Amino acid sequence: MTGLLTFLVLLIVAGGFVIHHFGAKASRGPVFEVREAGDWATLVATPSPLPFRITVVSAGLAIFPAWIVGGMIYARNPDTSATPIVGFVTWILAGIVIRQMWQSYHDHRRKVVREPLEVSTQGIRLGSQTIPADQVLSVIRSNAQDGRVVILGGSGMAAGVGHMAVQTLSLLTHVSHTVEVDHVGRRTVLAGGLTESQANSVASEIVRRLPNFG
């Protein structure tokens, strides 16, 4: 019995790892790096990963479609041994899809930018967009998800869910720092989904290289 429980625990842990690995779509790259190329410097700040808690929530939600699919197979043929196998595979696939949906949602909330960011004394280039240096009015560091939530009371499941939501928001806030620029009546996000240290580094490099800012 103990061996069976150990096997099930290891199976669930392995499934959770697969969900996280394929569902998180974690960006690979340096935390922060400056690449010099002539007059322009490319600033590379890889967006920080979401807290592992998001994967745990995704795995939990994936139980429902796995239970439905497994139940349908069992109802059709109670004697088949495929029910737990199909249920487990469905759990993993559903977990990956749900985790990817969370990733896309939070990347949008965190204002993650995938285009290359370049800066020089001439201005700022973000992908195909160029912002001349004389049009840059200010460089702003902010937080895309800096919410303030206070739970005054509650009991049971509602209070537990609320407390978990607040903790998750707090964790997300740490990886939701952005660097933006005001230019001629517009504001453009240059980098997002960063830690405070990353955002400080990006903003400092931009300010140091633009004329009349350093």
N, C-alpha and C. Protein backbone atom coordinates (compact mmCIF):
# COMPACT_ATOMS: atom_id res chain seq x y z
N MET A 1 0.83 -1.21 0.00
CA MET A 1 0.00 0.00 0.00
C MET A 1 0.87 1.27 0.00
N THR A 2 1.93 1.23 0.82
CA THR A 2 2.83 2.37 0.88
C THR A 2 3.52 2.59 -0.45
N GLY A 3 3.90 1.48 -1.09
CA GLY A 3 4.55 1.57 -2.40
C GLY A 3 3.63 2.18 -3.45
N LEU A 4 2.35 1.82 -3.38
CA LEU A 4 1.38 2.37 -4.34
C LEU A 4 1.19 3.86 -4.13
N LEU A 5 1.09 4.30 -2.88
CA LEU A 5 0.95 5.72 -2.58
C LEU A 5 2.17 6.51 -3.04
N THR A 6 3.35 5.93 -2.80
CA THR A 6 4.58 6.59 -3.24
C THR A 6 4.60 6.74 -4.75
N PHE A 7 4.18 5.68 -5.45
CA PHE A 7 4.14 5.73 -6.91
C PHE A 7 3.17 6.80 -7.40
N LEU A 8 1.99 6.90 -6.76
CA LEU A 8 1.00 7.90 -7.15
C LEU A 8 1.52 9.32 -6.92
N VAL A 9 2.19 9.51 -5.78
CA VAL A 9 2.74 10.83 -5.47
C VAL A 9 3.80 11.21 -6.51
N LEU A 10 4.69 10.27 -6.82
CA LEU A 10 5.72 10.54 -7.83
C LEU A 10 5.10 10.81 -9.19
N LEU A 11 4.03 10.10 -9.52
CA LEU A 11 3.34 10.30 -10.79
C LEU A 11 2.74 11.70 -10.87
N ILE A 12 2.12 12.14 -9.78
CA ILE A 12 1.52 13.47 -9.74
C ILE A 12 2.59 14.55 -9.82
N VAL A 13 3.70 14.34 -9.10
CA VAL A 13 4.81 15.31 -9.15
C VAL A 13 5.37 15.39 -10.56
N ALA A 14 5.54 14.25 -11.22
CA ALA A 14 6.06 14.23 -12.59
C ALA A 14 5.09 14.94 -13.53
N GLY A 15 3.78 14.68 -13.33
CA GLY A 15 2.78 15.35 -14.15
C GLY A 15 2.80 16.86 -13.94
N GLY A 16 2.98 17.29 -12.69
CA GLY A 16 3.06 18.72 -12.41
C GLY A 16 4.27 19.36 -13.06
N PHE A 17 5.39 18.63 -13.08
CA PHE A 17 6.60 19.14 -13.74
C PHE A 17 6.37 19.31 -15.24
N VAL A 18 5.69 18.32 -15.85
CA VAL A 18 5.41 18.40 -17.29
C VAL A 18 4.49 19.59 -17.58
N ILE A 19 3.47 19.78 -16.75
CA ILE A 19 2.55 20.91 -16.93
C ILE A 19 3.32 22.23 -16.83
N HIS A 20 4.20 22.33 -15.85
CA HIS A 20 4.95 23.57 -15.66
C HIS A 20 5.92 23.81 -16.81
N HIS A 21 6.60 22.74 -17.24
CA HIS A 21 7.64 22.88 -18.27
C HIS A 21 7.03 23.31 -19.61
N PHE A 22 5.94 22.66 -20.00
CA PHE A 22 5.34 22.95 -21.30
C PHE A 22 4.29 24.06 -21.24
N GLY A 23 3.76 24.31 -20.06
CA GLY A 23 2.71 25.32 -19.95
C GLY A 23 3.22 26.71 -19.63
N ALA A 24 4.36 26.78 -18.94
CA ALA A 24 4.86 28.09 -18.51
C ALA A 24 5.45 28.88 -19.66
N LYS A 25 5.97 28.20 -20.67
CA LYS A 25 6.61 28.88 -21.79
C LYS A 25 7.61 29.94 -21.31
N ALA A 26 8.42 29.52 -20.34
CA ALA A 26 9.35 30.46 -19.71
C ALA A 26 10.35 31.00 -20.73
N SER A 27 10.55 32.29 -20.71
CA SER A 27 11.51 32.92 -21.60
C SER A 27 12.93 32.59 -21.12
N ARG A 28 13.75 32.20 -22.05
CA ARG A 28 15.14 31.90 -21.72
C ARG A 28 16.03 33.05 -22.20
N GLY A 29 16.87 33.51 -21.32
CA GLY A 29 17.74 34.61 -21.68
C GLY A 29 18.33 35.23 -20.43
N PRO A 30 19.20 36.20 -20.60
CA PRO A 30 19.85 36.84 -19.45
C PRO A 30 18.86 37.66 -18.62
N VAL A 31 19.12 37.75 -17.35
CA VAL A 31 18.30 38.60 -16.48
C VAL A 31 18.38 40.05 -16.97
N PHE A 32 19.60 40.48 -17.25
CA PHE A 32 19.80 41.79 -17.87
C PHE A 32 21.16 41.80 -18.54
N GLU A 33 21.18 42.34 -19.77
CA GLU A 33 22.43 42.37 -20.52
C GLU A 33 22.40 43.53 -21.50
N VAL A 34 23.55 44.17 -21.67
CA VAL A 34 23.70 45.26 -22.63
C VAL A 34 24.61 44.78 -23.75
N ARG A 35 24.11 44.83 -24.97
CA ARG A 35 24.89 44.39 -26.13
C ARG A 35 25.18 45.59 -27.01
N GLU A 36 26.45 45.94 -27.07
CA GLU A 36 26.87 47.11 -27.84
C GLU A 36 27.04 46.73 -29.31
N ALA A 37 26.55 47.59 -30.20
CA ALA A 37 26.71 47.37 -31.64
C ALA A 37 26.74 48.73 -32.32
N GLY A 38 27.92 49.28 -32.47
CA GLY A 38 28.05 50.60 -33.07
C GLY A 38 27.52 51.68 -32.14
N ASP A 39 26.70 52.56 -32.67
CA ASP A 39 26.14 53.65 -31.87
C ASP A 39 24.97 53.20 -31.00
N TRP A 40 24.41 52.04 -31.31
CA TRP A 40 23.22 51.58 -30.61
C TRP A 40 23.56 50.45 -29.64
N ALA A 41 22.90 50.47 -28.49
CA ALA A 41 23.05 49.40 -27.51
C ALA A 41 21.70 48.68 -27.37
N THR A 42 21.73 47.36 -27.44
CA THR A 42 20.52 46.56 -27.25
C THR A 42 20.41 46.18 -25.78
N LEU A 43 19.29 46.51 -25.17
CA LEU A 43 19.05 46.18 -23.76
C LEU A 43 18.19 44.92 -23.71
N VAL A 44 18.73 43.88 -23.12
CA VAL A 44 18.02 42.60 -23.02
C VAL A 44 17.66 42.34 -21.57
N ALA A 45 16.38 42.33 -21.27
CA ALA A 45 15.89 42.01 -19.92
C ALA A 45 14.80 40.95 -20.07
N THR A 46 15.12 39.71 -19.76
CA THR A 46 14.18 38.62 -19.93
C THR A 46 13.07 38.72 -18.88
N PRO A 47 11.80 38.73 -19.32
CA PRO A 47 10.70 38.81 -18.36
C PRO A 47 10.80 37.72 -17.30
N SER A 48 10.54 38.08 -16.06
CA SER A 48 10.63 37.13 -14.96
C SER A 48 9.50 36.11 -15.03
N PRO A 49 9.77 34.87 -14.62
CA PRO A 49 8.72 33.84 -14.65
C PRO A 49 7.63 34.12 -13.63
N LEU A 50 6.45 33.62 -13.91
CA LEU A 50 5.34 33.73 -12.96
C LEU A 50 5.59 32.81 -11.77
N PRO A 51 5.01 33.11 -10.62
CA PRO A 51 5.20 32.23 -9.46
C PRO A 51 4.66 30.83 -9.72
N PHE A 52 5.31 29.83 -9.12
CA PHE A 52 4.94 28.42 -9.33
C PHE A 52 3.51 28.15 -8.89
N ARG A 53 2.99 29.01 -8.05
CA ARG A 53 1.61 28.86 -7.58
C ARG A 53 0.62 28.80 -8.74
N ILE A 54 0.93 29.52 -9.83
CA ILE A 54 0.06 29.52 -11.01
C ILE A 54 -0.02 28.11 -11.60
N THR A 55 1.09 27.39 -11.59
CA THR A 55 1.10 26.02 -12.09
C THR A 55 0.27 25.11 -11.19
N VAL A 56 0.37 25.31 -9.89
CA VAL A 56 -0.40 24.51 -8.94
C VAL A 56 -1.90 24.72 -9.17
N VAL A 57 -2.30 25.97 -9.35
CA VAL A 57 -3.71 26.27 -9.63
C VAL A 57 -4.15 25.63 -10.94
N SER A 58 -3.31 25.70 -11.96
CA SER A 58 -3.63 25.11 -13.26
C SER A 58 -3.82 23.60 -13.15
N ALA A 59 -2.93 22.95 -12.41
CA ALA A 59 -3.04 21.51 -12.21
C ALA A 59 -4.32 21.15 -11.47
N GLY A 60 -4.69 22.00 -10.51
CA GLY A 60 -5.93 21.75 -9.78
C GLY A 60 -7.16 21.88 -10.66
N LEU A 61 -7.20 22.91 -11.49
CA LEU A 61 -8.34 23.11 -12.38
C LEU A 61 -8.43 22.02 -13.43
N ALA A 62 -7.29 21.45 -13.82
CA ALA A 62 -7.26 20.41 -14.85
C ALA A 62 -7.87 19.10 -14.36
N ILE A 63 -8.09 18.97 -13.07
CA ILE A 63 -8.70 17.74 -12.54
C ILE A 63 -10.11 17.57 -13.07
N PHE A 64 -10.83 18.68 -13.24
CA PHE A 64 -12.24 18.59 -13.65
C PHE A 64 -12.40 17.99 -15.05
N PRO A 65 -11.71 18.48 -16.10
CA PRO A 65 -11.84 17.82 -17.40
C PRO A 65 -11.32 16.39 -17.40
N ALA A 66 -10.28 16.12 -16.60
CA ALA A 66 -9.77 14.75 -16.52
C ALA A 66 -10.81 13.83 -15.89
N TRP A 67 -11.49 14.31 -14.88
CA TRP A 67 -12.53 13.52 -14.20
C TRP A 67 -13.70 13.27 -15.15
N ILE A 68 -14.08 14.26 -15.95
CA ILE A 68 -15.19 14.11 -16.89
C ILE A 68 -14.84 13.09 -17.97
N VAL A 69 -13.66 13.21 -18.56
CA VAL A 69 -13.25 12.28 -19.62
C VAL A 69 -13.13 10.86 -19.07
N GLY A 70 -12.48 10.74 -17.91
CA GLY A 70 -12.36 9.42 -17.29
C GLY A 70 -13.71 8.81 -16.96
N GLY A 71 -14.62 9.65 -16.48
CA GLY A 71 -15.97 9.16 -16.16
C GLY A 71 -16.72 8.70 -17.39
N MET A 72 -16.56 9.38 -18.51
CA MET A 72 -17.22 9.00 -19.75
C MET A 72 -16.72 7.64 -20.24
N ILE A 73 -15.40 7.43 -20.15
CA ILE A 73 -14.83 6.15 -20.58
C ILE A 73 -15.28 5.02 -19.66
N TYR A 74 -15.30 5.31 -18.36
CA TYR A 74 -15.74 4.29 -17.40
C TYR A 74 -17.20 3.93 -17.61
N ALA A 75 -18.04 4.95 -17.89
CA ALA A 75 -19.47 4.69 -18.10
C ALA A 75 -19.69 3.84 -19.35
N ARG A 76 -18.84 4.01 -20.34
CA ARG A 76 -18.99 3.23 -21.58
C ARG A 76 -18.49 1.81 -21.40
N ASN A 77 -17.41 1.64 -20.64
CA ASN A 77 -16.84 0.30 -20.43
C ASN A 77 -16.19 0.23 -19.06
N PRO A 78 -16.95 -0.17 -18.03
CA PRO A 78 -16.42 -0.20 -16.66
C PRO A 78 -15.22 -1.13 -16.47
N ASP A 79 -15.06 -2.10 -17.36
CA ASP A 79 -14.00 -3.09 -17.18
C ASP A 79 -12.68 -2.69 -17.82
N THR A 80 -12.67 -1.60 -18.57
CA THR A 80 -11.45 -1.21 -19.26
C THR A 80 -10.40 -0.67 -18.30
N SER A 81 -9.14 -0.95 -18.64
CA SER A 81 -8.03 -0.44 -17.82
C SER A 81 -7.51 0.89 -18.35
N ALA A 82 -8.16 1.39 -19.40
CA ALA A 82 -7.70 2.63 -20.02
C ALA A 82 -8.15 3.87 -19.26
N THR A 83 -9.14 3.73 -18.38
CA THR A 83 -9.70 4.90 -17.70
C THR A 83 -8.65 5.72 -16.96
N PRO A 84 -7.85 5.11 -16.07
CA PRO A 84 -6.86 5.94 -15.35
C PRO A 84 -5.79 6.51 -16.28
N ILE A 85 -5.42 5.76 -17.32
CA ILE A 85 -4.39 6.25 -18.23
C ILE A 85 -4.89 7.46 -19.01
N VAL A 86 -6.09 7.33 -19.59
CA VAL A 86 -6.66 8.45 -20.36
C VAL A 86 -6.93 9.64 -19.44
N GLY A 87 -7.39 9.36 -18.23
CA GLY A 87 -7.65 10.44 -17.28
C GLY A 87 -6.38 11.20 -16.93
N PHE A 88 -5.28 10.46 -16.74
CA PHE A 88 -4.01 11.11 -16.41
C PHE A 88 -3.49 11.94 -17.57
N VAL A 89 -3.55 11.39 -18.78
CA VAL A 89 -3.10 12.12 -19.97
C VAL A 89 -3.95 13.37 -20.17
N THR A 90 -5.27 13.23 -19.97
CA THR A 90 -6.16 14.38 -20.10
C THR A 90 -5.82 15.46 -19.07
N TRP A 91 -5.49 15.02 -17.86
CA TRP A 91 -5.11 15.96 -16.80
C TRP A 91 -3.87 16.77 -17.21
N ILE A 92 -2.88 16.09 -17.74
CA ILE A 92 -1.65 16.78 -18.15
C ILE A 92 -1.93 17.76 -19.30
N LEU A 93 -2.65 17.28 -20.33
CA LEU A 93 -2.92 18.14 -21.49
C LEU A 93 -3.76 19.35 -21.09
N ALA A 94 -4.80 19.11 -20.27
CA ALA A 94 -5.64 20.22 -19.82
C ALA A 94 -4.84 21.19 -18.95
N GLY A 95 -3.95 20.64 -18.11
CA GLY A 95 -3.12 21.48 -17.26
C GLY A 95 -2.19 22.37 -18.08
N ILE A 96 -1.62 21.81 -19.15
CA ILE A 96 -0.73 22.60 -20.01
C ILE A 96 -1.50 23.74 -20.68
N VAL A 97 -2.69 23.42 -21.20
CA VAL A 97 -3.50 24.44 -21.87
C VAL A 97 -3.91 25.55 -20.90
N ILE A 98 -4.36 25.16 -19.70
CA ILE A 98 -4.78 26.14 -18.70
C ILE A 98 -3.60 27.00 -18.27
N ARG A 99 -2.43 26.35 -18.07
CA ARG A 99 -1.23 27.10 -17.66
C ARG A 99 -0.81 28.08 -18.74
N GLN A 100 -0.92 27.69 -20.01
CA GLN A 100 -0.58 28.60 -21.10
C GLN A 100 -1.55 29.78 -21.17
N MET A 101 -2.82 29.51 -20.87
CA MET A 101 -3.81 30.60 -20.85
C MET A 101 -3.50 31.59 -19.75
N TRP A 102 -3.12 31.08 -18.57
CA TRP A 102 -2.73 31.96 -17.47
C TRP A 102 -1.51 32.78 -17.85
N GLN A 103 -0.54 32.13 -18.54
CA GLN A 103 0.68 32.82 -18.95
C GLN A 103 0.35 33.99 -19.88
N SER A 104 -0.49 33.72 -20.88
CA SER A 104 -0.86 34.77 -21.83
C SER A 104 -1.61 35.90 -21.13
N TYR A 105 -2.51 35.54 -20.22
CA TYR A 105 -3.29 36.55 -19.50
C TYR A 105 -2.39 37.44 -18.65
N HIS A 106 -1.51 36.83 -17.88
CA HIS A 106 -0.65 37.62 -16.98
C HIS A 106 0.44 38.36 -17.74
N ASP A 107 0.92 37.80 -18.85
CA ASP A 107 1.88 38.54 -19.66
C ASP A 107 1.25 39.82 -20.20
N HIS A 108 -0.03 39.74 -20.56
CA HIS A 108 -0.73 40.94 -21.01
C HIS A 108 -0.89 41.92 -19.86
N ARG A 109 -1.26 41.42 -18.69
CA ARG A 109 -1.42 42.28 -17.52
C ARG A 109 -0.10 42.92 -17.11
N ARG A 110 0.98 42.16 -17.25
CA ARG A 110 2.30 42.66 -16.83
C ARG A 110 2.97 43.51 -17.91
N LYS A 111 2.30 43.67 -19.06
CA LYS A 111 2.81 44.47 -20.18
C LYS A 111 4.16 43.96 -20.67
N VAL A 112 4.24 42.64 -20.83
CA VAL A 112 5.47 42.04 -21.33
C VAL A 112 5.69 42.46 -22.79
N VAL A 113 6.91 42.88 -23.10
CA VAL A 113 7.27 43.31 -24.45
C VAL A 113 8.28 42.33 -25.02
N ARG A 114 8.01 41.80 -26.21
CA ARG A 114 8.90 40.81 -26.83
C ARG A 114 9.82 41.43 -27.88
N GLU A 115 9.58 42.67 -28.27
CA GLU A 115 10.38 43.29 -29.31
C GLU A 115 11.72 43.76 -28.76
N PRO A 116 12.77 43.75 -29.57
CA PRO A 116 14.10 44.20 -29.11
C PRO A 116 14.09 45.70 -28.80
N LEU A 117 14.77 46.05 -27.71
CA LEU A 117 14.86 47.44 -27.26
C LEU A 117 16.28 47.94 -27.48
N GLU A 118 16.42 49.04 -28.23
CA GLU A 118 17.72 49.63 -28.49
C GLU A 118 17.69 51.10 -28.11
N VAL A 119 18.84 51.60 -27.66
CA VAL A 119 18.92 53.00 -27.25
C VAL A 119 20.28 53.56 -27.62
N SER A 120 20.30 54.85 -27.99
CA SER A 120 21.54 55.55 -28.29
C SER A 120 21.29 57.04 -28.07
N THR A 121 22.28 57.86 -28.36
CA THR A 121 22.10 59.31 -28.24
C THR A 121 21.08 59.82 -29.26
N GLN A 122 20.78 59.00 -30.26
CA GLN A 122 19.80 59.39 -31.28
C GLN A 122 18.37 59.17 -30.82
N GLY A 123 18.18 58.27 -29.88
CA GLY A 123 16.83 58.00 -29.40
C GLY A 123 16.65 56.56 -28.98
N ILE A 124 15.42 56.07 -29.12
CA ILE A 124 15.05 54.72 -28.69
C ILE A 124 14.41 53.99 -29.85
N ARG A 125 14.79 52.73 -30.03
CA ARG A 125 14.16 51.88 -31.04
C ARG A 125 13.54 50.68 -30.35
N LEU A 126 12.25 50.47 -30.62
CA LEU A 126 11.53 49.32 -30.09
C LEU A 126 10.92 48.59 -31.28
N GLY A 127 11.56 47.51 -31.69
CA GLY A 127 11.12 46.83 -32.89
C GLY A 127 11.30 47.74 -34.09
N SER A 128 10.21 47.99 -34.80
CA SER A 128 10.26 48.87 -35.97
C SER A 128 9.97 50.32 -35.63
N GLN A 129 9.63 50.60 -34.37
CA GLN A 129 9.29 51.96 -33.95
C GLN A 129 10.55 52.69 -33.47
N THR A 130 10.71 53.93 -33.90
CA THR A 130 11.83 54.76 -33.46
C THR A 130 11.30 56.02 -32.78
N ILE A 131 11.82 56.32 -31.59
CA ILE A 131 11.45 57.52 -30.85
C ILE A 131 12.68 58.42 -30.79
N PRO A 132 12.70 59.54 -31.53
CA PRO A 132 13.87 60.43 -31.51
C PRO A 132 14.14 60.95 -30.10
N ALA A 133 15.40 61.17 -29.81
CA ALA A 133 15.79 61.60 -28.47
C ALA A 133 15.14 62.91 -28.07
N ASP A 134 14.97 63.84 -29.02
CA ASP A 134 14.40 65.15 -28.67
C ASP A 134 12.90 65.09 -28.41
N GLN A 135 12.28 63.91 -28.65
CA GLN A 135 10.85 63.76 -28.36
C GLN A 135 10.59 63.06 -27.03
N VAL A 136 11.64 62.55 -26.42
CA VAL A 136 11.50 61.84 -25.14
C VAL A 136 11.36 62.85 -24.01
N LEU A 137 10.21 62.85 -23.38
CA LEU A 137 9.96 63.80 -22.30
C LEU A 137 10.35 63.24 -20.93
N SER A 138 10.09 61.96 -20.74
CA SER A 138 10.42 61.35 -19.45
C SER A 138 10.48 59.84 -19.57
N VAL A 139 11.25 59.23 -18.69
CA VAL A 139 11.35 57.77 -18.58
C VAL A 139 10.72 57.38 -17.24
N ILE A 140 9.79 56.46 -17.27
CA ILE A 140 8.98 56.16 -16.09
C ILE A 140 9.11 54.69 -15.70
N ARG A 141 9.35 54.45 -14.43
CA ARG A 141 9.27 53.11 -13.88
C ARG A 141 7.97 52.98 -13.12
N SER A 142 7.23 51.91 -13.38
CA SER A 142 5.96 51.72 -12.68
C SER A 142 5.73 50.24 -12.47
N ASN A 143 4.56 49.90 -11.93
CA ASN A 143 4.20 48.50 -11.72
C ASN A 143 2.83 48.27 -12.34
N ALA A 144 2.77 47.30 -13.24
CA ALA A 144 1.55 47.06 -14.01
C ALA A 144 0.47 46.37 -13.19
N GLN A 145 0.82 45.85 -12.02
CA GLN A 145 -0.16 45.07 -11.27
C GLN A 145 -0.01 45.33 -9.77
N ASP A 146 0.12 46.59 -9.43
CA ASP A 146 0.34 46.96 -8.04
C ASP A 146 -1.01 47.22 -7.36
N GLY A 147 -1.68 46.14 -7.00
CA GLY A 147 -3.00 46.29 -6.37
C GLY A 147 -2.89 46.29 -4.86
N ARG A 148 -3.84 46.91 -4.22
CA ARG A 148 -3.89 46.94 -2.76
C ARG A 148 -5.20 46.31 -2.31
N VAL A 149 -5.12 45.12 -1.69
CA VAL A 149 -6.31 44.40 -1.25
C VAL A 149 -6.17 44.10 0.23
N VAL A 150 -7.20 44.39 0.98
CA VAL A 150 -7.19 44.12 2.41
C VAL A 150 -8.41 43.28 2.76
N ILE A 151 -8.19 42.11 3.39
CA ILE A 151 -9.29 41.26 3.83
C ILE A 151 -9.57 41.57 5.30
N LEU A 152 -10.76 42.09 5.56
CA LEU A 152 -11.10 42.50 6.93
C LEU A 152 -11.66 41.34 7.76
N GLY A 153 -12.26 40.38 7.10
CA GLY A 153 -12.83 39.27 7.85
C GLY A 153 -13.33 38.21 6.91
N GLY A 154 -13.76 37.10 7.47
CA GLY A 154 -14.28 36.02 6.65
C GLY A 154 -14.00 34.69 7.32
N SER A 155 -14.64 33.66 6.82
CA SER A 155 -14.44 32.35 7.41
C SER A 155 -14.60 31.29 6.33
N GLY A 156 -14.09 30.11 6.63
CA GLY A 156 -14.28 28.99 5.73
C GLY A 156 -13.53 29.14 4.42
N MET A 157 -14.09 28.51 3.39
CA MET A 157 -13.43 28.46 2.09
C MET A 157 -13.27 29.83 1.46
N ALA A 158 -14.28 30.70 1.62
CA ALA A 158 -14.22 32.02 1.01
C ALA A 158 -13.02 32.81 1.52
N ALA A 159 -12.78 32.74 2.82
CA ALA A 159 -11.64 33.46 3.40
C ALA A 159 -10.33 32.86 2.91
N GLY A 160 -10.27 31.51 2.81
CA GLY A 160 -9.05 30.86 2.34
C GLY A 160 -8.73 31.23 0.91
N VAL A 161 -9.76 31.22 0.05
CA VAL A 161 -9.56 31.59 -1.35
C VAL A 161 -9.14 33.05 -1.46
N GLY A 162 -9.78 33.91 -0.67
CA GLY A 162 -9.43 35.33 -0.70
C GLY A 162 -8.00 35.56 -0.26
N HIS A 163 -7.58 34.86 0.80
CA HIS A 163 -6.21 35.01 1.30
C HIS A 163 -5.21 34.54 0.26
N MET A 164 -5.51 33.43 -0.42
CA MET A 164 -4.62 32.91 -1.46
C MET A 164 -4.53 33.88 -2.62
N ALA A 165 -5.65 34.51 -2.97
CA ALA A 165 -5.66 35.47 -4.07
C ALA A 165 -4.78 36.67 -3.74
N VAL A 166 -4.84 37.14 -2.49
CA VAL A 166 -4.01 38.27 -2.08
C VAL A 166 -2.53 37.90 -2.12
N GLN A 167 -2.20 36.70 -1.66
CA GLN A 167 -0.81 36.26 -1.69
C GLN A 167 -0.29 36.15 -3.12
N THR A 168 -1.15 35.61 -4.00
CA THR A 168 -0.76 35.48 -5.41
C THR A 168 -0.54 36.84 -6.04
N LEU A 169 -1.43 37.80 -5.73
CA LEU A 169 -1.27 39.16 -6.26
C LEU A 169 0.03 39.78 -5.79
N SER A 170 0.38 39.53 -4.52
CA SER A 170 1.62 40.06 -3.98
C SER A 170 2.83 39.48 -4.72
N LEU A 171 2.79 38.17 -5.00
CA LEU A 171 3.89 37.54 -5.73
C LEU A 171 3.98 38.08 -7.16
N LEU A 172 2.83 38.28 -7.80
CA LEU A 172 2.81 38.79 -9.17
C LEU A 172 3.34 40.22 -9.23
N THR A 173 3.07 40.99 -8.19
CA THR A 173 3.53 42.37 -8.16
C THR A 173 5.05 42.46 -8.25
N HIS A 174 5.74 41.49 -7.64
CA HIS A 174 7.20 41.50 -7.65
C HIS A 174 7.78 41.29 -9.05
N VAL A 175 7.00 40.71 -9.96
CA VAL A 175 7.50 40.44 -11.32
C VAL A 175 6.68 41.19 -12.36
N SER A 176 6.14 42.35 -11.98
CA SER A 176 5.29 43.13 -12.89
C SER A 176 5.78 44.57 -13.06
N HIS A 177 7.06 44.81 -12.84
CA HIS A 177 7.61 46.15 -13.01
C HIS A 177 7.78 46.45 -14.50
N THR A 178 7.57 47.70 -14.86
CA THR A 178 7.66 48.12 -16.26
C THR A 178 8.55 49.35 -16.40
N VAL A 179 9.02 49.55 -17.61
CA VAL A 179 9.74 50.77 -17.98
C VAL A 179 9.00 51.37 -19.17
N GLU A 180 8.57 52.62 -19.03
CA GLU A 180 7.81 53.28 -20.08
C GLU A 180 8.45 54.63 -20.40
N VAL A 181 8.05 55.20 -21.52
CA VAL A 181 8.58 56.49 -21.92
C VAL A 181 7.44 57.36 -22.42
N ASP A 182 7.44 58.61 -21.96
CA ASP A 182 6.50 59.62 -22.46
C ASP A 182 7.17 60.36 -23.60
N HIS A 183 6.46 60.46 -24.72
CA HIS A 183 7.04 61.17 -25.87
C HIS A 183 5.93 61.82 -26.70
N VAL A 184 5.93 63.12 -26.73
CA VAL A 184 5.01 63.92 -27.55
C VAL A 184 3.57 63.44 -27.39
N GLY A 185 3.09 63.47 -26.16
CA GLY A 185 1.69 63.14 -25.92
C GLY A 185 1.36 61.67 -25.92
N ARG A 186 2.35 60.82 -25.98
CA ARG A 186 2.12 59.37 -25.98
C ARG A 186 2.95 58.71 -24.90
N ARG A 187 2.52 57.52 -24.49
CA ARG A 187 3.31 56.72 -23.56
C ARG A 187 3.49 55.33 -24.16
N THR A 188 4.72 54.88 -24.24
CA THR A 188 5.05 53.59 -24.83
C THR A 188 5.74 52.72 -23.80
N VAL A 189 5.29 51.48 -23.67
CA VAL A 189 5.93 50.52 -22.77
C VAL A 189 7.15 49.94 -23.48
N LEU A 190 8.31 50.11 -22.88
CA LEU A 190 9.55 49.61 -23.46
C LEU A 190 9.89 48.21 -22.97
N ALA A 191 9.56 47.92 -21.72
CA ALA A 191 9.86 46.61 -21.14
C ALA A 191 8.87 46.35 -20.01
N GLY A 192 8.48 45.11 -19.84
CA GLY A 192 7.52 44.77 -18.79
C GLY A 192 7.70 43.35 -18.29
N GLY A 193 7.03 43.03 -17.19
CA GLY A 193 7.17 41.71 -16.59
C GLY A 193 8.51 41.52 -15.90
N LEU A 194 9.04 42.62 -15.36
CA LEU A 194 10.39 42.57 -14.78
C LEU A 194 10.36 42.66 -13.26
N THR A 195 11.47 42.28 -12.65
CA THR A 195 11.64 42.54 -11.23
C THR A 195 12.04 44.02 -11.07
N GLU A 196 12.01 44.50 -9.86
CA GLU A 196 12.38 45.88 -9.61
C GLU A 196 13.82 46.15 -10.02
N SER A 197 14.71 45.18 -9.74
CA SER A 197 16.12 45.34 -10.10
C SER A 197 16.29 45.42 -11.62
N GLN A 198 15.58 44.56 -12.35
CA GLN A 198 15.67 44.60 -13.81
C GLN A 198 15.17 45.94 -14.35
N ALA A 199 14.03 46.39 -13.84
CA ALA A 199 13.47 47.66 -14.31
C ALA A 199 14.42 48.81 -14.01
N ASN A 200 15.04 48.80 -12.85
CA ASN A 200 16.02 49.84 -12.50
C ASN A 200 17.19 49.84 -13.49
N SER A 201 17.66 48.65 -13.84
CA SER A 201 18.79 48.54 -14.76
C SER A 201 18.43 49.07 -16.15
N VAL A 202 17.26 48.68 -16.65
CA VAL A 202 16.82 49.13 -17.97
C VAL A 202 16.66 50.64 -17.99
N ALA A 203 15.96 51.18 -16.99
CA ALA A 203 15.71 52.62 -16.93
C ALA A 203 17.02 53.40 -16.80
N SER A 204 17.94 52.89 -15.99
CA SER A 204 19.22 53.58 -15.80
C SER A 204 20.02 53.65 -17.09
N GLU A 205 20.03 52.55 -17.85
CA GLU A 205 20.78 52.53 -19.12
C GLU A 205 20.16 53.51 -20.12
N ILE A 206 18.84 53.58 -20.16
CA ILE A 206 18.18 54.48 -21.09
C ILE A 206 18.50 55.93 -20.73
N VAL A 207 18.34 56.28 -19.47
CA VAL A 207 18.59 57.65 -19.01
C VAL A 207 20.05 58.02 -19.23
N ARG A 208 20.97 57.08 -18.99
CA ARG A 208 22.39 57.37 -19.12
C ARG A 208 22.79 57.66 -20.56
N ARG A 209 22.09 57.03 -21.50
CA ARG A 209 22.49 57.15 -22.90
C ARG A 209 21.75 58.26 -23.67
N LEU A 210 20.64 58.70 -23.18
CA LEU A 210 19.92 59.77 -23.88
C LEU A 210 20.53 61.12 -23.53
N PRO A 211 20.68 62.00 -24.51
CA PRO A 211 21.21 63.34 -24.21
C PRO A 211 20.22 64.13 -23.35
N ASN A 212 20.76 64.99 -22.50
CA ASN A 212 19.95 65.84 -21.60
C ASN A 212 19.26 65.05 -20.50
N PHE A 213 19.60 63.76 -20.34
CA PHE A 213 19.03 62.95 -19.27
C PHE A 213 20.09 62.52 -18.29
N GLY A 214 21.27 62.24 -18.79
CA GLY A 214 22.32 61.70 -17.95
C GLY A 214 22.92 62.74 -17.00
